Amino acid sequence: MSYNVTDILTIRVRILIYAISFLSLLFLETYSTTVCPFIDGLRPSQVYRNLSFILILLILYREVLYHTFKRPWKNFYLPRQAYLLSVIAWLLAGLSAFLLHFILYPNFPVASHIKLFASFAILGAGILAQIEYIIFEMSYKKIATNVQYTTFKEKISQRILETFLIFTIAPILTLSLIISRYTYEGVLDMHIAKEVIYMGLAMLIASIILAFTFKKSLKSDTKIIIDDIQKVKEGKYYDIQTINRPDELGKISYTIKDMASYIDEHAKKIAELNEEIIHTQREIIYTMGEIAETRSKETGNHVKRVAQYSKILALKSGLNEEEAELLKQASPMHDIGKVGIPDNILNKPGKLTPEEFEIMKTHAQLGYDMLKHSNKKILQAAAIVAGGHHEKYDGSGYPNGLSGEDIHIYARITAIADVFDALGSSRIYKKAWKDEDIFNLFKEQSGKHFDPKLITLFFENLDAIFEVRKMFQDTETSSISS
């Protein structure tokens, strides 16, 4: 949506600037009589009559200018356009005052009329227009919340310099006019000092009002920028505000918004890539687990079932969803070390000799050594499972003879899941056990081979475990349900 100058001039803004204009013209009566002895000689009724006439003209000049030049100037800040039109209106009012006095009082010297014009230029077009500029900006910000700047031609430094020069030159010119009047009359006394102080205080008050208003505007806009930076730091890229300024602050604000959009877009892409990497890792780990099982003539469904059993027990033991899912993804690698075991031992149909069994036992350490160097969470978890799933709760397991809770919870959980599925499945060297026999073994080995707390949880969640076994059963059922 495009805005024009008249959109800024709401009823509230008009009342405010015309109230300021009225009070300023009252001040001009005192100011003019101070700087010009001839105006000082007029009766108050004459001065107020003339000023009232000029006030009406000022209002007319403003409205005509605002409506004639209401369309935005190309690459121009709309409040600044309204400000320049206000400056022109004050200068036209000063010129009208000059002509009015020139016609009504032809006996006045030209210098007297010039001083009157200078009063309008200094106080109106100079000081008061600066205050009006702030008012126009505040009004514009309220209505133009959807404005998108593409050019930033305004400069804060230029604005500050402009204001500084006005509030430096205006007092100097004012004091010069006052001193010139009393120098002309040959009178320099305490009365003059009071007049100078009075005018100085009036301009100081105007300067303070402008400074505080300008400060408030800058503070508000700067806070938005700081808040936006904080939002970017917190990853809230979608909640960035912009400020309606065509200067450096506005450019910074829009740059932050563009940056946030860029970061958000690429963060999503990175998240997608990261998710793809994680998914790929999981597939590789699962496939490697299947390869290990295939070498020992076991089915891929074994690793699927062990993974699901492990997650069930992990959640029931108090691990959070993230850890439980991590264990589920890592547990298929529990026998990865078997890739290093010779086929004649791995697939021997009969019972292994003591020497062969010692070689078979090395698969736990082999698996751990293969994975331990990775800094990826999933491979670290897989290393723990591979190295510890044959440790026993009473310390009689291998490869390190760990006991109790010195055995990682991941390994204790996987041990139960692996043994349950291994015993319940047919292998080249044995037939599948009945569930009743497996349960009897688990009860007997609770506190010996297995963590007793986990065994309790296993029996409490048999329905979920049976459901998994049914879902991922082998082509030929290898377990006879009791």
Protein backbone atom coordinates (compact mmCIF):
# COMPACT_ATOMS: atom_id res chain seq x y z
CA MET A 1 0.00 0.00 0.00
CA SER A 2 1.23 3.50 -0.96
CA TYR A 3 0.78 6.46 1.38
CA ASN A 4 0.79 10.19 0.68
CA VAL A 5 1.33 13.36 2.70
CA THR A 6 -2.33 13.77 3.65
CA ASP A 7 -2.34 10.31 5.21
CA ILE A 8 0.16 11.56 7.78
CA LEU A 9 -2.02 14.56 8.63
CA THR A 10 -4.55 12.85 10.85
CA ILE A 11 -6.96 14.96 12.89
CA ARG A 12 -4.71 14.57 15.92
CA VAL A 13 -1.63 15.71 13.96
CA ARG A 14 -3.46 18.72 12.52
CA ILE A 15 -4.71 19.82 15.93
CA LEU A 16 -1.21 19.45 17.33
CA ILE A 17 0.67 21.39 14.65
CA TYR A 18 -1.93 24.16 14.47
CA ALA A 19 -1.93 24.49 18.26
CA ILE A 20 1.87 24.82 18.07
CA SER A 21 1.49 27.37 15.28
CA PHE A 22 -1.00 29.43 17.30
CA LEU A 23 1.19 29.45 20.43
CA SER A 24 4.21 30.25 18.31
CA LEU A 25 2.52 33.27 16.73
CA LEU A 26 1.68 34.54 20.21
CA PHE A 27 5.34 34.19 21.05
CA LEU A 28 6.23 35.97 17.82
CA GLU A 29 4.36 39.03 19.05
CA THR A 30 6.79 39.33 21.97
CA TYR A 31 9.74 38.32 19.84
CA SER A 32 8.98 40.83 17.09
CA THR A 33 8.49 43.70 19.49
CA THR A 34 11.77 42.78 21.13
CA VAL A 35 13.85 42.81 17.94
CA CYS A 36 12.11 45.70 16.19
CA PRO A 37 11.35 49.09 17.86
CA PHE A 38 8.81 49.99 15.17
CA ILE A 39 6.69 46.88 15.78
CA ASP A 40 7.09 47.60 19.48
CA GLY A 41 5.35 50.91 18.76
CA LEU A 42 2.17 49.20 17.49
CA ARG A 43 -0.79 48.72 19.76
CA PRO A 44 -1.34 45.11 21.00
CA SER A 45 -4.67 44.99 19.14
CA GLN A 46 -2.90 45.82 15.88
CA VAL A 47 -0.23 43.19 16.47
CA TYR A 48 -2.75 40.43 17.35
CA ARG A 49 -4.96 41.39 14.40
CA ASN A 50 -2.03 41.08 12.04
CA LEU A 51 -0.87 37.81 13.59
CA SER A 52 -4.37 36.32 13.40
CA PHE A 53 -4.49 37.16 9.74
CA ILE A 54 -1.09 35.57 9.20
CA LEU A 55 -2.19 32.46 11.16
CA ILE A 56 -5.13 32.02 8.78
CA LEU A 57 -2.82 32.41 5.82
CA LEU A 58 -0.35 29.92 7.34
CA ILE A 59 -3.13 27.32 7.68
CA LEU A 60 -4.22 27.94 4.09
CA TYR A 61 -0.65 27.70 2.80
CA ARG A 62 -0.16 24.43 4.63
CA GLU A 63 -3.34 22.80 3.35
CA VAL A 64 -2.76 23.94 -0.23
CA LEU A 65 0.83 22.68 -0.17
CA TYR A 66 -0.11 19.38 1.51
CA HIS A 67 -2.78 18.64 -1.08
CA THR A 68 -0.89 19.96 -4.10
CA PHE A 69 2.22 17.97 -3.29
CA LYS A 70 0.58 15.04 -1.52
CA ARG A 71 1.92 12.42 -3.94
CA PRO A 72 5.23 10.99 -2.69
CA TRP A 73 8.35 12.40 -4.28
CA LYS A 74 10.54 9.74 -5.87
CA ASN A 75 13.11 8.24 -3.49
CA PHE A 76 12.03 10.70 -0.79
CA TYR A 77 11.06 10.05 2.83
CA LEU A 78 7.40 11.01 3.18
CA PRO A 79 7.74 12.70 6.61
CA ARG A 80 10.66 14.73 5.24
CA GLN A 81 8.50 15.78 2.31
CA ALA A 82 5.84 16.96 4.77
CA TYR A 83 8.57 18.73 6.78
CA LEU A 84 9.86 20.62 3.74
CA LEU A 85 6.31 21.66 2.84
CA SER A 86 5.94 22.93 6.41
CA VAL A 87 9.16 24.93 6.06
CA ILE A 88 7.82 26.47 2.84
CA ALA A 89 4.51 27.29 4.56
CA TRP A 90 6.33 29.13 7.36
CA LEU A 91 8.45 31.06 4.83
CA LEU A 92 5.33 32.00 2.86
CA ALA A 93 3.68 33.15 6.10
CA GLY A 94 6.77 35.23 6.86
CA LEU A 95 6.70 36.71 3.38
CA SER A 96 2.99 37.50 3.83
CA ALA A 97 3.77 39.21 7.15
CA PHE A 98 6.48 41.21 5.38
CA LEU A 99 4.07 42.36 2.64
CA LEU A 100 1.23 43.05 5.11
CA HIS A 101 3.41 45.31 7.25
CA PHE A 102 4.94 46.89 4.15
CA ILE A 103 1.44 47.86 2.94
CA LEU A 104 -0.05 48.82 6.30
CA TYR A 105 2.98 50.66 7.61
CA PRO A 106 4.82 52.23 4.66
CA ASN A 107 6.59 54.61 7.03
CA PHE A 108 8.42 51.67 8.69
CA PRO A 109 11.95 51.12 7.42
CA VAL A 110 12.52 48.05 5.23
CA ALA A 111 14.81 46.62 7.92
CA SER A 112 11.80 46.41 10.23
CA HIS A 113 9.89 44.27 7.72
CA ILE A 114 12.95 42.10 7.10
CA LYS A 115 13.29 41.50 10.84
CA LEU A 116 9.67 40.35 10.92
CA PHE A 117 10.28 37.96 8.03
CA ALA A 118 13.44 36.73 9.79
CA SER A 119 11.34 35.97 12.87
CA PHE A 120 9.14 33.59 10.87
CA ALA A 121 12.17 32.03 9.20
CA ILE A 122 14.11 31.50 12.45
CA LEU A 123 11.32 30.38 14.75
CA GLY A 124 8.86 28.87 12.29
CA ALA A 125 10.80 27.43 9.35
CA GLY A 126 13.80 26.75 11.58
CA ILE A 127 12.92 25.56 15.07
CA LEU A 128 9.21 24.71 14.94
CA ALA A 129 9.44 22.86 11.63
CA GLN A 130 11.99 20.54 13.25
CA ILE A 131 9.48 19.67 15.97
CA GLU A 132 6.80 19.16 13.31
CA TYR A 133 9.20 16.83 11.47
CA ILE A 134 9.24 14.54 14.52
CA ILE A 135 5.44 14.65 14.73
CA PHE A 136 5.16 13.67 11.04
CA GLU A 137 7.57 10.76 11.58
CA MET A 138 5.62 9.45 14.57
CA SER A 139 2.36 9.67 12.65
CA TYR A 140 3.85 7.91 9.63
CA LYS A 141 5.20 5.03 11.68
CA LYS A 142 1.75 4.33 13.10
CA ILE A 143 0.08 3.98 9.71
CA ALA A 144 2.89 2.64 7.50
CA THR A 145 3.55 -0.66 9.24
CA ASN A 146 3.75 -2.53 5.92
CA VAL A 147 6.13 -0.17 4.12
CA GLN A 148 9.08 -1.90 2.44
CA TYR A 149 11.98 0.44 1.76
CA THR A 150 14.27 -0.34 -1.17
CA THR A 151 16.37 2.82 -1.01
CA PHE A 152 17.83 4.51 2.06
CA LYS A 153 18.71 8.05 1.03
CA GLU A 154 18.26 9.67 4.43
CA LYS A 155 21.24 9.95 6.77
CA ILE A 156 21.07 10.23 10.56
CA SER A 157 24.32 12.19 10.51
CA GLN A 158 22.80 14.67 8.06
CA ARG A 159 19.70 14.98 10.21
CA ILE A 160 21.73 15.60 13.38
CA LEU A 161 23.96 18.14 11.58
CA GLU A 162 20.94 19.91 10.17
CA THR A 163 19.29 20.16 13.59
CA PHE A 164 22.54 21.23 15.22
CA LEU A 165 23.04 24.05 12.72
CA ILE A 166 19.47 25.27 13.11
CA PHE A 167 19.68 25.36 16.88
CA THR A 168 23.07 27.02 16.69
CA ILE A 169 22.31 29.63 14.06
CA ALA A 170 18.80 30.46 15.32
CA PRO A 171 19.91 31.72 18.79
CA ILE A 172 22.84 33.59 17.25
CA LEU A 173 20.56 35.37 14.79
CA THR A 174 18.03 36.07 17.53
CA LEU A 175 20.58 37.60 19.85
CA SER A 176 22.03 39.57 16.95
CA LEU A 177 18.61 41.01 16.14
CA ILE A 178 17.94 41.94 19.76
CA ILE A 179 21.35 43.54 20.24
CA SER A 180 21.08 45.38 16.91
CA ARG A 181 17.76 46.89 17.99
CA TYR A 182 19.08 48.23 21.28
CA THR A 183 22.39 49.25 19.74
CA TYR A 184 20.36 51.27 17.23
CA GLU A 185 18.56 52.94 20.13
CA GLY A 186 21.81 53.42 22.02
CA VAL A 187 20.48 51.59 25.07
CA LEU A 188 22.24 48.60 26.62
CA ASP A 189 21.07 47.86 30.16
CA MET A 190 19.63 45.17 32.43
CA HIS A 191 16.38 45.28 30.46
CA ILE A 192 18.24 44.02 27.43
CA ALA A 193 19.85 41.25 29.45
CA LYS A 194 16.40 40.10 30.58
CA GLU A 195 15.14 40.11 27.00
CA VAL A 196 18.12 38.06 25.88
CA ILE A 197 17.63 35.57 28.73
CA TYR A 198 13.92 35.33 27.95
CA MET A 199 14.52 34.58 24.27
CA GLY A 200 17.37 32.23 25.11
CA LEU A 201 15.21 30.25 27.53
CA ALA A 202 12.39 30.01 24.99
CA MET A 203 14.75 28.57 22.39
CA LEU A 204 16.38 26.31 24.97
CA ILE A 205 12.97 24.86 25.88
CA ALA A 206 12.22 24.25 22.20
CA SER A 207 15.63 22.58 21.82
CA ILE A 208 15.03 20.35 24.84
CA ILE A 209 11.60 19.31 23.57
CA LEU A 210 13.06 18.45 20.18
CA ALA A 211 16.04 16.62 21.71
CA PHE A 212 13.87 14.46 23.97
CA THR A 213 11.42 13.71 21.18
CA PHE A 214 14.25 12.79 18.83
CA LYS A 215 15.85 10.69 21.57
CA LYS A 216 12.59 8.85 22.22
CA SER A 217 12.22 8.04 18.53
CA LEU A 218 15.80 6.79 18.24
CA LYS A 219 15.54 4.80 21.46
CA SER A 220 12.35 3.10 20.34
CA ASP A 221 13.77 2.19 16.92
CA THR A 222 17.11 1.10 18.36
CA LYS A 223 15.29 -1.18 20.83
CA ILE A 224 13.49 -2.88 17.94
CA ILE A 225 16.84 -3.51 16.23
CA ILE A 226 18.38 -4.88 19.44
CA ASP A 227 15.33 -7.11 20.02
CA ASP A 228 15.57 -8.38 16.44
CA ILE A 229 19.24 -9.25 16.89
CA GLN A 230 18.35 -11.15 20.07
CA LYS A 231 15.59 -13.02 18.22
CA VAL A 232 18.08 -14.04 15.53
CA LYS A 233 20.44 -15.29 18.26
CA GLU A 234 17.56 -17.32 19.73
CA GLY A 235 16.59 -18.72 16.33
CA LYS A 236 13.26 -16.85 16.13
CA TYR A 237 13.78 -15.93 12.48
CA TYR A 238 10.07 -15.61 11.70
CA ASP A 239 9.34 -12.88 14.27
CA ILE A 240 11.54 -10.03 13.00
CA GLN A 241 10.19 -6.48 12.99
CA THR A 242 11.27 -3.65 10.73
CA ILE A 243 11.30 0.07 11.43
CA ASN A 244 9.95 2.68 9.05
CA ARG A 245 13.12 4.66 8.55
CA PRO A 246 14.85 5.37 5.23
CA ASP A 247 18.19 5.99 6.97
CA GLU A 248 21.03 3.88 8.38
CA LEU A 249 18.84 2.44 11.16
CA GLY A 250 16.19 1.47 8.63
CA LYS A 251 18.82 -0.16 6.44
CA ILE A 252 20.18 -2.10 9.43
CA SER A 253 16.64 -3.18 10.34
CA TYR A 254 15.85 -4.48 6.84
CA THR A 255 19.29 -6.10 6.62
CA ILE A 256 18.57 -8.00 9.85
CA LYS A 257 15.23 -9.13 8.46
CA ASP A 258 16.83 -10.30 5.19
CA MET A 259 19.60 -11.99 7.16
CA ALA A 260 17.05 -13.74 9.39
CA SER A 261 15.14 -14.97 6.33
CA TYR A 262 18.37 -16.18 4.75
CA ILE A 263 19.48 -17.96 7.93
CA ASP A 264 16.01 -19.48 8.42
CA GLU A 265 15.92 -20.75 4.84
CA HIS A 266 19.39 -22.26 5.00
CA ALA A 267 18.88 -23.56 8.54
CA LYS A 268 15.90 -25.53 7.24
CA LYS A 269 18.01 -26.86 4.38
CA ILE A 270 20.78 -27.80 6.81
CA ALA A 271 18.22 -29.48 9.07
CA GLU A 272 16.91 -31.44 6.09
CA LEU A 273 20.43 -32.44 5.09
CA ASN A 274 21.23 -33.35 8.68
CA GLU A 275 18.09 -35.46 8.89
CA GLU A 276 19.07 -37.12 5.63
CA ILE A 277 22.56 -37.82 7.00
CA ILE A 278 21.09 -39.26 10.19
CA HIS A 279 18.68 -41.38 8.15
CA THR A 280 21.58 -42.59 6.01
CA GLN A 281 23.61 -43.39 9.13
CA ARG A 282 20.73 -45.43 10.48
CA GLU A 283 20.34 -47.33 7.22
CA ILE A 284 24.08 -48.05 7.08
CA ILE A 285 24.16 -49.21 10.70
CA TYR A 286 21.10 -51.39 10.21
CA THR A 287 22.52 -52.84 7.01
CA MET A 288 25.86 -53.57 8.70
CA GLY A 289 23.97 -55.28 11.48
CA GLU A 290 22.13 -57.39 8.94
CA ILE A 291 25.41 -58.27 7.23
CA ALA A 292 26.82 -59.50 10.53
CA GLU A 293 23.75 -61.62 11.15
CA THR A 294 23.73 -62.96 7.60
CA ARG A 295 27.32 -64.17 7.98
CA SER A 296 26.20 -66.30 10.88
CA LYS A 297 23.21 -67.61 8.90
CA GLU A 298 20.76 -65.60 10.96
CA THR A 299 17.88 -63.50 9.60
CA GLY A 300 17.68 -59.75 9.23
CA ASN A 301 14.52 -59.79 11.27
CA HIS A 302 16.60 -60.70 14.32
CA VAL A 303 18.19 -57.23 14.38
CA LYS A 304 14.79 -55.61 13.80
CA ARG A 305 13.26 -57.43 16.73
CA VAL A 306 16.23 -56.74 19.01
CA ALA A 307 16.00 -53.04 18.11
CA GLN A 308 12.31 -52.87 18.97
CA TYR A 309 12.66 -54.89 22.18
CA SER A 310 15.52 -52.61 23.24
CA LYS A 311 13.45 -49.47 22.75
CA ILE A 312 10.54 -50.87 24.76
CA LEU A 313 12.80 -51.75 27.69
CA ALA A 314 14.69 -48.44 27.41
CA LEU A 315 11.50 -46.39 27.73
CA LYS A 316 10.20 -48.52 30.58
CA SER A 317 13.52 -48.23 32.43
CA GLY A 318 13.25 -44.42 32.46
CA LEU A 319 15.34 -43.38 29.47
CA ASN A 320 13.84 -40.52 27.50
CA GLU A 321 12.50 -40.85 23.97
CA GLU A 322 15.72 -39.57 22.40
CA GLU A 323 17.94 -42.06 24.25
CA ALA A 324 15.51 -44.90 23.64
CA GLU A 325 15.44 -44.13 19.92
CA LEU A 326 19.25 -43.89 19.88
CA LEU A 327 19.51 -47.35 21.44
CA LYS A 328 17.00 -48.71 18.96
CA GLN A 329 19.12 -47.43 16.07
CA ALA A 330 22.41 -48.63 17.60
CA SER A 331 21.39 -52.09 18.83
CA PRO A 332 21.44 -53.73 15.35
CA MET A 333 25.25 -53.39 15.53
CA HIS A 334 25.54 -55.53 18.67
CA ASP A 335 27.15 -58.45 16.76
CA ILE A 336 29.08 -56.41 14.17
CA GLY A 337 32.30 -57.90 15.53
CA LYS A 338 31.28 -61.26 14.07
CA VAL A 339 32.54 -60.08 10.68
CA GLY A 340 36.00 -60.76 12.09
CA ILE A 341 35.22 -64.36 13.13
CA PRO A 342 36.21 -67.14 10.68
CA ASP A 343 33.31 -68.86 8.89
CA ASN A 344 34.31 -72.31 10.09
CA ILE A 345 33.75 -71.18 13.68
CA LEU A 346 30.88 -68.75 13.08
CA ASN A 347 28.76 -71.24 11.14
CA LYS A 348 29.87 -74.49 12.79
CA PRO A 349 26.77 -76.71 13.11
CA GLY A 350 27.90 -78.41 16.27
CA LYS A 351 29.15 -77.26 19.63
CA LEU A 352 32.28 -75.13 19.65
CA THR A 353 35.45 -76.37 21.28
CA PRO A 354 36.85 -74.33 24.19
CA GLU A 355 39.47 -72.88 21.84
CA GLU A 356 36.85 -72.02 19.21
CA PHE A 357 34.60 -70.44 21.82
CA GLU A 358 37.45 -68.19 22.97
CA ILE A 359 37.83 -66.99 19.39
CA MET A 360 34.04 -66.49 19.13
CA LYS A 361 34.09 -64.38 22.31
CA THR A 362 36.47 -61.91 20.70
CA HIS A 363 33.63 -60.58 18.52
CA ALA A 364 32.50 -58.29 21.38
CA GLN A 365 35.88 -56.57 21.66
CA LEU A 366 36.27 -56.53 17.86
CA GLY A 367 32.92 -54.75 17.51
CA TYR A 368 33.82 -52.20 20.17
CA ASP A 369 37.22 -51.51 18.61
CA MET A 370 35.63 -51.00 15.19
CA LEU A 371 33.26 -48.30 16.43
CA LYS A 372 34.89 -46.64 19.44
CA HIS A 373 36.78 -43.95 17.54
CA SER A 374 33.68 -42.28 16.07
CA ASN A 375 32.37 -39.02 17.58
CA LYS A 376 28.86 -39.69 16.30
CA LYS A 377 26.35 -40.42 19.03
CA ILE A 378 24.79 -43.33 17.22
CA LEU A 379 28.15 -45.03 16.61
CA GLN A 380 29.27 -44.34 20.18
CA ALA A 381 26.10 -46.06 21.37
CA ALA A 382 26.71 -48.90 18.93
CA ALA A 383 30.25 -49.33 20.32
CA ILE A 384 28.85 -49.57 23.87
CA VAL A 385 26.30 -52.18 22.80
CA ALA A 386 28.80 -54.22 20.74
CA GLY A 387 31.38 -54.26 23.51
CA GLY A 388 29.06 -54.86 26.46
CA HIS A 389 26.12 -57.04 25.41
CA HIS A 390 27.92 -60.21 26.63
CA GLU A 391 28.87 -58.78 30.02
CA LYS A 392 26.94 -60.37 32.91
CA TYR A 393 25.39 -58.67 35.91
CA ASP A 394 27.39 -60.84 38.34
CA GLY A 395 30.70 -60.06 36.59
CA SER A 396 31.19 -63.44 34.91
CA GLY A 397 30.72 -62.15 31.36
CA TYR A 398 33.16 -60.99 28.70
CA PRO A 399 35.20 -59.22 27.38
CA ASN A 400 35.96 -57.10 30.50
CA GLY A 401 34.18 -58.92 33.33
CA LEU A 402 32.13 -55.87 34.30
CA SER A 403 29.33 -56.23 36.85
CA GLY A 404 26.16 -54.48 38.01
CA GLU A 405 25.66 -50.92 36.92
CA ASP A 406 29.27 -50.71 35.72
CA ILE A 407 27.78 -52.29 32.64
CA HIS A 408 26.21 -49.54 30.57
CA ILE A 409 22.40 -49.50 30.58
CA TYR A 410 22.44 -49.81 26.78
CA ALA A 411 24.40 -53.05 27.00
CA ARG A 412 22.26 -54.47 29.85
CA ILE A 413 19.09 -53.81 27.86
CA THR A 414 20.47 -55.22 24.59
CA ALA A 415 21.68 -58.35 26.39
CA ILE A 416 18.10 -59.24 27.39
CA ALA A 417 16.68 -58.37 23.97
CA ASP A 418 19.38 -60.35 22.14
CA VAL A 419 19.19 -63.47 24.33
CA PHE A 420 15.39 -63.53 24.22
CA ASP A 421 15.31 -63.38 20.45
CA ALA A 422 18.30 -65.68 19.94
CA LEU A 423 16.85 -68.41 22.16
CA GLY A 424 13.44 -68.06 20.55
CA SER A 425 14.84 -68.43 17.04
CA SER A 426 16.16 -71.46 15.21
CA ARG A 427 19.87 -71.34 14.42
CA ILE A 428 22.15 -73.65 12.49
CA TYR A 429 23.40 -75.14 15.74
CA LYS A 430 20.08 -75.33 17.68
CA LYS A 431 16.31 -75.32 17.58
CA ALA A 432 14.15 -72.50 18.91
CA TRP A 433 13.31 -72.65 22.61
CA LYS A 434 9.78 -72.54 23.91
CA ASP A 435 8.79 -69.27 25.59
CA GLU A 436 8.22 -71.07 28.89
CA ASP A 437 11.82 -72.35 28.89
CA ILE A 438 13.14 -68.87 28.03
CA PHE A 439 11.12 -67.31 30.87
CA ASN A 440 12.39 -69.91 33.33
CA LEU A 441 15.95 -69.14 32.27
CA PHE A 442 15.38 -65.38 32.68
CA LYS A 443 13.99 -65.88 36.18
CA GLU A 444 16.90 -68.12 37.09
CA GLN A 445 19.52 -65.70 35.64
CA SER A 446 17.97 -62.55 37.13
CA GLY A 447 20.74 -60.92 39.15
CA LYS A 448 23.31 -63.28 37.61
CA HIS A 449 23.39 -62.85 33.85
CA PHE A 450 20.75 -60.12 33.67
CA ASP A 451 19.87 -56.91 35.49
CA PRO A 452 17.01 -57.95 37.85
CA LYS A 453 15.17 -54.64 37.43
CA LEU A 454 15.21 -55.01 33.66
CA ILE A 455 14.01 -58.60 33.91
CA THR A 456 11.04 -57.38 35.97
CA LEU A 457 10.28 -54.79 33.30
CA PHE A 458 10.58 -57.46 30.60
CA PHE A 459 7.89 -59.61 32.20
CA GLU A 460 5.68 -56.57 32.84
CA ASN A 461 5.72 -55.71 29.13
CA LEU A 462 5.40 -59.10 27.46
CA ASP A 463 2.33 -58.02 25.46
CA ALA A 464 4.32 -55.28 23.71
CA ILE A 465 7.25 -57.65 23.14
CA PHE A 466 5.01 -60.38 21.66
CA GLU A 467 3.45 -57.79 19.36
CA VAL A 468 6.89 -56.86 18.02
CA ARG A 469 7.81 -60.52 17.53
CA LYS A 470 4.60 -61.09 15.60
CA MET A 471 5.18 -58.00 13.44
CA PHE A 472 8.74 -59.01 12.51
CA GLN A 473 8.49 -62.80 12.54
CA ASP A 474 10.71 -64.81 10.22
CA THR A 475 9.31 -66.41 7.09
CA GLU A 476 9.20 -69.71 8.88
CA THR A 477 8.10 -69.30 12.49
CA SER A 478 11.04 -70.26 14.65
CA SER A 479 9.46 -69.92 18.06
CA ILE A 480 6.68 -71.94 19.58
CA SER A 481 4.57 -69.79 21.84
CA SER A 482 3.83 -71.38 25.19
